[in-house]
Protein backbone atom coordinates (compact mmCIF):
# COMPACT_ATOMS: atom_id res chain seq x y z
CA UNK A 1 126.17 43.31 124.22
CA UNK A 2 124.82 41.26 121.09
CA UNK A 3 121.18 43.71 121.12
CA UNK A 4 123.90 46.74 121.37
CA UNK A 5 125.77 44.91 117.83
CA UNK A 6 122.38 44.66 116.30
CA UNK A 7 121.52 48.10 116.73
CA UNK A 8 125.08 49.95 115.68
CA UNK A 9 124.58 47.23 112.38
CA UNK A 10 121.13 48.56 111.37
CA UNK A 11 122.23 52.09 112.68
CA UNK A 12 125.13 51.63 110.23
CA UNK A 13 123.94 50.08 107.20
CA UNK A 14 120.67 52.80 107.41
CA UNK A 15 123.08 55.78 107.56
CA UNK A 16 125.00 53.98 104.14
CA UNK A 17 121.54 53.29 102.53
CA UNK A 18 120.85 57.24 103.66
CA UNK A 19 124.04 58.41 101.80
CA UNK A 20 123.64 56.51 98.71
CA UNK A 21 120.23 57.35 98.34
CA UNK A 22 120.40 60.88 98.98
CA UNK A 23 123.47 61.04 95.97
CA UNK A 24 121.26 59.46 93.88
CA UNK A 25 118.42 61.64 94.36
CA UNK A 26 120.08 64.18 93.82
CA UNK A 27 120.76 62.92 90.34
CA UNK A 28 117.90 62.17 89.35
CA UNK A 29 116.33 65.75 90.58
CA UNK A 30 119.25 67.30 87.99
CA UNK A 31 118.78 65.09 85.41
CA UNK A 32 114.65 65.04 85.50
CA UNK A 33 115.20 69.07 85.81
CA UNK A 34 113.11 69.03 89.33
CA UNK A 35 114.02 72.15 91.22
CA UNK A 36 113.75 70.59 94.48
CA UNK A 37 112.60 66.92 95.87
CA UNK A 38 111.88 66.25 99.37
CA UNK A 39 111.43 62.24 100.53
CA UNK A 40 111.67 60.40 103.26
CA UNK A 41 110.61 56.69 104.31
CA UNK A 42 108.92 55.37 107.53
CA UNK A 43 107.14 52.83 109.25
CA UNK A 44 105.35 53.74 111.70
CA UNK A 45 107.42 54.97 115.18
CA UNK A 46 110.50 55.97 112.49
CA UNK A 47 112.06 57.77 110.57
CA UNK A 48 114.66 55.24 108.48
CA UNK A 49 115.83 58.28 105.90
CA UNK A 50 114.62 62.07 105.04
CA UNK A 51 115.98 64.35 102.82
CA UNK A 52 115.70 67.99 101.41
CA UNK A 53 117.88 68.72 97.58
CA UNK A 54 117.89 71.64 95.65
CA UNK A 55 116.15 74.87 95.54
CA UNK A 56 112.99 76.61 96.26
CA UNK A 57 113.00 78.29 92.62
CA UNK A 58 114.98 77.69 89.81
CA UNK A 59 115.34 81.98 89.77
CA UNK A 60 116.33 81.73 93.23
CA UNK A 61 119.70 80.82 95.37
CA UNK A 62 118.09 79.33 98.35
CA UNK A 63 118.50 75.90 99.23
CA UNK A 64 116.10 72.67 100.26
CA UNK A 65 115.02 72.89 104.10
CA UNK A 66 113.44 70.24 105.64
CA UNK A 67 111.05 72.85 107.04
CA UNK A 68 109.85 73.64 103.45
CA UNK A 69 105.89 73.66 102.56
CA UNK A 70 104.53 71.73 99.29
CA UNK A 71 101.03 71.68 97.77
CA UNK A 72 99.78 68.12 98.32
CA UNK A 73 97.26 68.52 95.38
CA UNK A 74 95.04 65.10 95.43
CA UNK A 75 96.92 63.85 98.35
CA UNK A 76 94.10 65.59 99.92
CA UNK A 77 91.93 62.87 99.49
CA UNK A 78 92.91 61.01 101.90
CA UNK A 79 92.91 63.62 104.46
CA UNK A 80 88.94 65.18 103.75
CA UNK A 81 88.25 61.26 103.98
CA UNK A 82 90.67 61.03 107.24
CA UNK A 83 88.25 64.14 108.61
CA UNK A 84 84.42 62.45 107.78
CA UNK A 85 85.75 58.80 108.99
CA UNK A 86 86.04 60.91 112.45
CA UNK A 87 82.42 61.77 111.99
CA UNK A 88 81.11 58.48 111.19
CA UNK A 89 82.57 57.28 114.55
CA UNK A 90 81.18 60.03 116.16
CA UNK A 91 77.57 58.73 114.15
CA UNK A 92 76.94 62.11 112.63
CA UNK A 93 77.39 60.07 109.58
CA UNK A 94 76.99 56.72 108.14
CA UNK A 95 78.82 55.32 105.02
CA UNK A 96 76.14 54.63 103.73
CA UNK A 97 74.04 57.66 104.30
CA UNK A 98 72.16 58.99 101.18
CA UNK A 99 73.18 62.09 99.58
CA UNK A 100 69.60 63.43 99.66
CA UNK A 101 68.97 62.36 102.97
CA UNK A 102 70.61 65.30 103.98
CA UNK A 103 69.53 67.94 101.27
CA UNK A 104 66.37 66.73 100.23
CA UNK A 105 65.16 70.23 98.73
CA UNK A 106 68.07 69.17 95.99
CA UNK A 107 65.94 67.20 94.70
CA UNK A 108 63.54 68.31 92.47
CA UNK A 109 66.69 70.02 90.17
CA UNK A 110 69.09 66.74 90.55
CA UNK A 111 69.40 64.27 87.82
CA UNK A 112 67.51 60.42 88.50
CA UNK A 113 70.30 58.95 88.24
CA UNK A 114 72.00 60.54 91.43
CA UNK A 115 69.08 60.09 93.91
CA UNK A 116 70.55 57.10 95.71
CA UNK A 117 74.13 58.54 95.95
CA UNK A 118 75.83 58.24 99.53
CA UNK A 119 78.49 59.22 101.05
CA UNK A 120 80.84 55.43 101.00
CA UNK A 121 80.15 56.04 96.78
CA UNK A 122 81.06 59.63 96.65
CA UNK A 123 84.56 58.64 98.62
CA UNK A 124 85.03 55.99 96.61
CA UNK A 125 84.29 57.38 92.69
CA UNK A 126 81.45 55.30 92.55
CA UNK A 127 78.61 57.71 92.17
CA UNK A 128 79.05 59.02 88.69
CA UNK A 129 80.28 62.17 89.18
CA UNK A 130 81.60 64.35 86.49
CA UNK A 131 85.58 64.51 87.21
CA UNK A 132 85.98 67.77 87.10
CA UNK A 133 90.00 67.45 86.59
CA UNK A 134 91.05 70.65 84.61
CA UNK A 135 90.01 68.99 80.61
CA UNK A 136 86.97 69.31 79.25
CA UNK A 137 84.95 70.26 82.16
CA UNK A 138 81.30 71.69 81.90
CA UNK A 139 81.58 75.56 81.80
CA UNK A 140 80.95 76.46 86.05
CA UNK A 141 78.54 79.77 86.75
CA UNK A 142 79.69 81.89 88.63
CA UNK A 143 79.35 81.67 92.56
CA UNK A 144 79.32 84.13 95.23
CA UNK A 145 79.53 84.22 99.00
CA UNK A 146 81.79 82.27 101.09
CA UNK A 147 84.10 79.11 100.11
CA UNK A 148 81.13 77.21 101.97
CA UNK A 149 78.46 78.72 99.79
CA UNK A 150 79.93 78.35 96.25
CA UNK A 151 80.75 74.95 97.39
CA UNK A 152 77.15 74.01 97.83
CA UNK A 153 76.46 76.54 94.77
CA UNK A 154 79.01 73.90 92.78
CA UNK A 155 77.27 70.86 94.11
CA UNK A 156 73.65 71.91 93.36
CA UNK A 157 74.95 72.68 89.93
CA UNK A 158 76.85 68.99 89.43
CA UNK A 159 74.44 67.18 90.37
CA UNK A 160 72.01 68.86 87.36
CA UNK A 161 74.62 67.21 84.91
CA UNK A 162 74.52 64.14 83.32
CA UNK A 163 76.20 61.37 84.87
CA UNK A 164 79.33 59.24 84.10
CA UNK A 165 78.82 55.52 83.91
CA UNK A 166 81.03 53.09 85.53
CA UNK A 167 81.89 49.64 82.73
CA UNK A 168 82.67 46.38 84.30
CA UNK A 169 86.74 47.30 83.03
CA UNK A 170 86.36 50.08 85.46
CA UNK A 171 85.30 49.78 88.90
CA UNK A 172 85.39 53.51 89.69
CA UNK A 173 85.56 56.82 87.69
CA UNK A 174 87.74 59.29 89.77
CA UNK A 175 85.80 62.61 90.32
CA UNK A 176 87.01 65.74 92.34
CA UNK A 177 83.83 67.01 92.57
CA UNK A 178 82.86 63.84 94.14
CA UNK A 179 84.68 64.52 97.30
CA UNK A 180 83.30 68.07 97.05
CA UNK A 181 79.21 66.39 97.41
CA UNK A 182 80.83 64.63 99.98
CA UNK A 183 82.52 67.27 102.11
CA UNK A 184 79.29 68.96 101.86
CA UNK A 185 77.67 66.22 103.74
CA UNK A 186 79.72 66.28 106.59
CA UNK A 187 79.69 70.15 106.37
CA UNK A 188 75.73 69.85 106.88
CA UNK A 189 76.00 67.83 110.19
CA UNK A 190 78.98 69.69 111.80
CA UNK A 191 77.74 73.09 111.15
CA UNK A 192 81.34 73.78 110.06
CA UNK A 193 83.10 74.57 106.50
CA UNK A 194 85.31 72.22 105.23
CA UNK A 195 88.52 74.64 106.32
CA UNK A 196 87.34 74.99 109.61
CA UNK A 197 87.52 71.07 109.71
CA UNK A 198 90.58 70.87 108.72
CA UNK A 199 92.25 73.48 110.99
CA UNK A 200 90.21 71.55 114.20
CA UNK A 201 91.45 67.52 113.73
CA UNK A 202 94.74 68.74 111.82
CA UNK A 203 96.39 71.57 113.53
CA UNK A 204 94.48 71.97 117.12
CA UNK A 205 93.57 67.78 117.88
CA UNK A 206 96.79 66.86 116.20
CA UNK A 207 98.71 69.31 116.14
CA UNK A 208 100.16 69.46 112.74
CA UNK A 209 100.54 72.45 110.76
CA UNK A 210 98.48 72.00 107.89
CA UNK A 211 97.35 75.02 105.34
CA UNK A 212 95.40 76.01 102.32
CA UNK A 213 96.44 76.37 98.89
CA UNK A 214 99.97 77.58 97.99
CA UNK A 215 102.76 77.62 100.32
CA UNK A 216 103.19 81.33 100.64
CA UNK A 217 106.72 82.66 99.31
CA UNK A 218 106.37 86.29 98.81
CA UNK A 219 106.27 87.01 102.44
CA UNK A 220 109.23 83.95 103.36
CA UNK A 221 111.24 81.94 102.14
CA UNK A 222 109.82 78.84 101.01
CA UNK A 223 108.72 76.79 97.74
CA UNK A 224 107.55 77.48 94.62
CA UNK A 225 105.76 75.75 92.71
CA UNK A 226 106.67 75.20 89.20
CA UNK A 227 104.49 74.56 85.91
CA UNK A 228 105.69 73.30 82.59
CA UNK A 229 104.81 76.20 80.08
CA UNK A 230 106.24 76.49 76.36
CA UNK A 231 109.15 72.96 77.11
CA UNK A 232 110.47 74.75 80.23
CA UNK A 233 109.58 75.02 83.46
CA UNK A 234 107.75 78.99 84.97
CA UNK A 235 107.93 79.39 88.76
CA UNK A 236 104.72 80.74 90.09
CA UNK A 237 104.74 82.88 92.90
CA UNK A 238 101.82 82.24 95.67
CA UNK A 239 100.31 85.64 95.00
CA UNK A 240 99.06 84.04 91.71
CA UNK A 241 95.03 84.15 91.38
CA UNK A 242 94.59 80.12 91.85
CA UNK A 243 91.64 78.62 92.93
CA UNK A 244 90.31 74.90 91.97
CA UNK A 245 86.86 75.08 91.20
CA UNK A 246 85.42 74.22 94.14
CA UNK A 247 86.51 71.21 94.51
CA UNK A 248 89.34 72.30 97.17
CA UNK A 249 89.04 68.88 99.34
CA UNK A 250 90.01 67.28 96.42
CA UNK A 251 93.56 68.85 96.52
CA UNK A 252 94.32 72.42 97.85
CA UNK A 253 96.27 71.43 100.97
CA UNK A 254 100.01 72.54 102.11
CA UNK A 255 101.91 70.78 104.31
CA UNK A 256 105.39 69.99 105.65
CA UNK A 257 106.94 66.57 105.06
CA UNK A 258 108.36 66.30 108.71
CA UNK A 259 103.98 67.46 109.50
CA UNK A 260 102.68 64.58 106.88
CA UNK A 261 105.03 62.02 108.16
CA UNK A 262 102.60 61.69 111.24
CA UNK A 263 99.75 61.76 109.65
CA UNK A 264 101.16 58.59 107.56
CA UNK A 265 102.40 56.80 110.98
CA UNK A 266 98.93 57.42 112.10
CA UNK A 267 97.69 55.57 109.32
CA UNK A 268 100.41 52.91 109.06
CA UNK A 269 99.84 52.31 113.36
CA UNK A 270 95.96 51.95 112.18
CA UNK A 271 96.71 49.42 109.56
CA UNK A 272 98.94 47.57 112.39
CA UNK A 273 96.09 46.99 114.54
CA UNK A 274 96.25 50.12 116.60
CA UNK A 275 93.80 52.55 117.99
CA UNK A 276 94.76 56.53 117.77
CA UNK A 277 92.74 58.85 116.54
CA UNK A 278 90.53 56.71 114.47
CA UNK A 279 89.62 53.24 115.35
CA UNK A 280 92.07 50.71 113.75
CA UNK A 281 88.85 49.14 111.94
CA UNK A 282 88.56 52.77 110.56
CA UNK A 283 91.90 52.92 109.22
CA UNK A 284 91.57 49.02 107.49
CA UNK A 285 88.11 50.16 106.01
CA UNK A 286 89.35 53.47 104.59
CA UNK A 287 92.40 51.70 102.67
CA UNK A 288 91.39 48.74 101.92
CA UNK A 289 87.22 48.04 102.67
CA UNK A 290 86.78 49.01 98.87
CA UNK A 291 88.60 47.48 95.77
CA UNK A 292 90.59 48.78 93.81
CA UNK A 293 90.03 52.60 95.34
CA UNK A 294 89.33 52.95 98.50
CA UNK A 295 88.80 56.23 101.01
CA UNK A 296 91.18 58.60 99.41
CA UNK A 297 94.24 55.69 98.74
CA UNK A 298 94.23 53.22 95.60
CA UNK A 299 93.93 49.71 97.37
CA UNK A 300 96.57 48.00 94.95
CA UNK A 301 97.11 44.00 94.95
CA UNK A 302 99.99 42.92 92.79
CA UNK A 303 103.30 40.76 92.56
CA UNK A 304 102.22 39.36 96.31
CA UNK A 305 102.16 42.93 97.29
CA UNK A 306 99.91 44.85 99.05
CA UNK A 307 99.54 49.34 98.69
CA UNK A 308 98.06 51.93 100.17
CA UNK A 309 99.48 54.41 96.97
CA UNK A 310 98.05 58.52 95.84
CA UNK A 311 99.96 60.91 94.02
CA UNK A 312 99.01 64.53 93.74
CA UNK A 313 99.17 67.61 91.21
CA UNK A 314 97.43 70.85 90.80
CA UNK A 315 99.97 71.64 87.79
CA UNK A 316 102.52 73.19 89.87
CA UNK A 317 103.85 70.68 92.96
CA UNK A 318 103.89 66.84 92.35
CA UNK A 319 103.85 64.57 95.23
CA UNK A 320 103.70 60.96 95.45
CA UNK A 321 103.16 58.18 98.56
CA UNK A 322 103.18 54.66 99.04
CA UNK A 323 102.52 52.53 101.88
CA UNK A 324 103.56 48.78 102.39
CA UNK A 325 100.84 47.25 103.23
CA UNK A 326 103.05 43.83 104.51
CA UNK A 327 105.79 45.14 105.50
CA UNK A 328 104.38 48.33 107.02
CA UNK A 329 106.38 51.11 105.11
CA UNK A 330 105.87 53.77 103.95
CA UNK A 331 108.04 56.55 101.19
CA UNK A 332 106.68 60.10 100.64
CA UNK A 333 108.43 61.76 97.62
CA UNK A 334 107.65 65.30 97.03
CA UNK A 335 108.50 67.75 94.23
CA UNK A 336 108.02 71.72 93.65
CA UNK A 337 107.22 71.00 89.71
CA UNK A 338 104.74 69.56 87.31
CA UNK A 339 106.33 67.44 84.15
CA UNK A 340 106.48 64.46 82.31
CA UNK A 341 110.35 64.55 83.38
CA UNK A 342 108.80 65.40 87.48
CA UNK A 343 106.76 62.12 87.41
CA UNK A 344 109.70 60.18 85.72
CA UNK A 345 112.08 61.45 88.21
CA UNK A 346 110.04 60.40 91.09
CA UNK A 347 108.98 56.69 89.53
CA UNK A 348 112.72 56.27 89.54
CA UNK A 349 113.13 57.10 93.06
CA UNK A 350 110.16 55.60 94.34
CA UNK A 351 111.61 52.25 92.93
CA UNK A 352 115.31 52.99 94.28
CA UNK A 353 113.45 53.40 98.13
CA UNK A 354 111.62 50.60 97.66
CA UNK A 355 114.83 48.53 96.50
CA UNK A 356 116.59 49.94 99.85
CA UNK A 357 113.85 49.47 101.88
CA UNK A 358 112.95 46.04 101.16
CA UNK A 359 109.53 46.44 99.49
C-alpha cells in the first residue's frame, strides 16, 4: 500500500510539473517568436514529460504534433561519433588510427602539419582543421560525383589549407570539416557511405526513423525551418536548394523527438554502466574521455555538476540537449527557427526544466 501511494504521489507530482511547464513553455514560445517547440525530460527508461507546442510554420494553420521531424544540426555529430564508435568496437578502426595510414596517397599534396592527425583528434576538434562554419570560409571548388565522392574531394582540399593553431586558452578548435575527415576514415574501412551507415545503424539496427537534410514539408504536413532575415522570421520550404558544403556528417540529420529520445536513452544507459548497442566503456569514453570536448559532446564540469551538452543549427532550426551525468537525466528541446530570440527562449526553457526535475 505504501509503495502504491508513493507511485501515485510521484505520478501526480509529474503531472503537475507537466501542466505548469506546458503553460510556461508556450508563453516562452510566444514571447520569443518561436513557431514550434517540442521538448522532453527523460532518464534511461522513463519519459517524465514530453510536449509539442505551436505550429509548423508562421504561415500555416496546422499545429505541432509529437510526430514532427526536426533538423538537429550539429547534434548530428554525436550520432556520427556513435557510428564510428561501433566500428572501433568491431576493430575496423582505433581511436589512434592515423588519417594518412588510410589515405597515404594524399600525403604529397597535404600540409605537413596534418601528417600525424588521428581519428580521435578529428572527432575532438584537436587536429587544427579549418572550421567551415559558414563565416569567412575558404572558397570551395565545385566538386562532382556522388555525395561520398564529393566529400572525398572536399577532404583532399581541406588538407591543403593552413591549419588552425590550438592555444593554451582553447584546448580545441571546433571544425565541421574535421568530422568529414573522420567520416572518410569509417567510409574507407567499411566500404559504405555515411548515408548507408546512418541507415544501417539507426534505421535497420536500432529501428529508429532517421532521415537526411531538412524535413519534407511539401508532400506532407511537417515542420518548416525558419531563418531570421531583415528582422523577421522567414519559413523555408524543403524544396530550397540546400547543402552543407560537404560537411553533412557534422550536421545534416532530421529526426522525430521520440526517436531522438531513444538514442539519448542508449547514451544514458551506457553512462550508468550498462552495455547496449555499444559497450558501457565506449559511452564513457565518447562522453568523458577527453576534456572540454569529447566525441560529439561538450564535456562540462562546473558548479558540482557533470554534463554532456550540445546545440545544433544550420540556420533554420535550433536544438539543444543536456545530459545530467550525475542524476542520469536528459533534457531535450527542438525548435523550428533560428535567431537570437530562439536561442534565448530555449535557454530559459532549459533552465526551467532542470529546476523542475532536480538538475
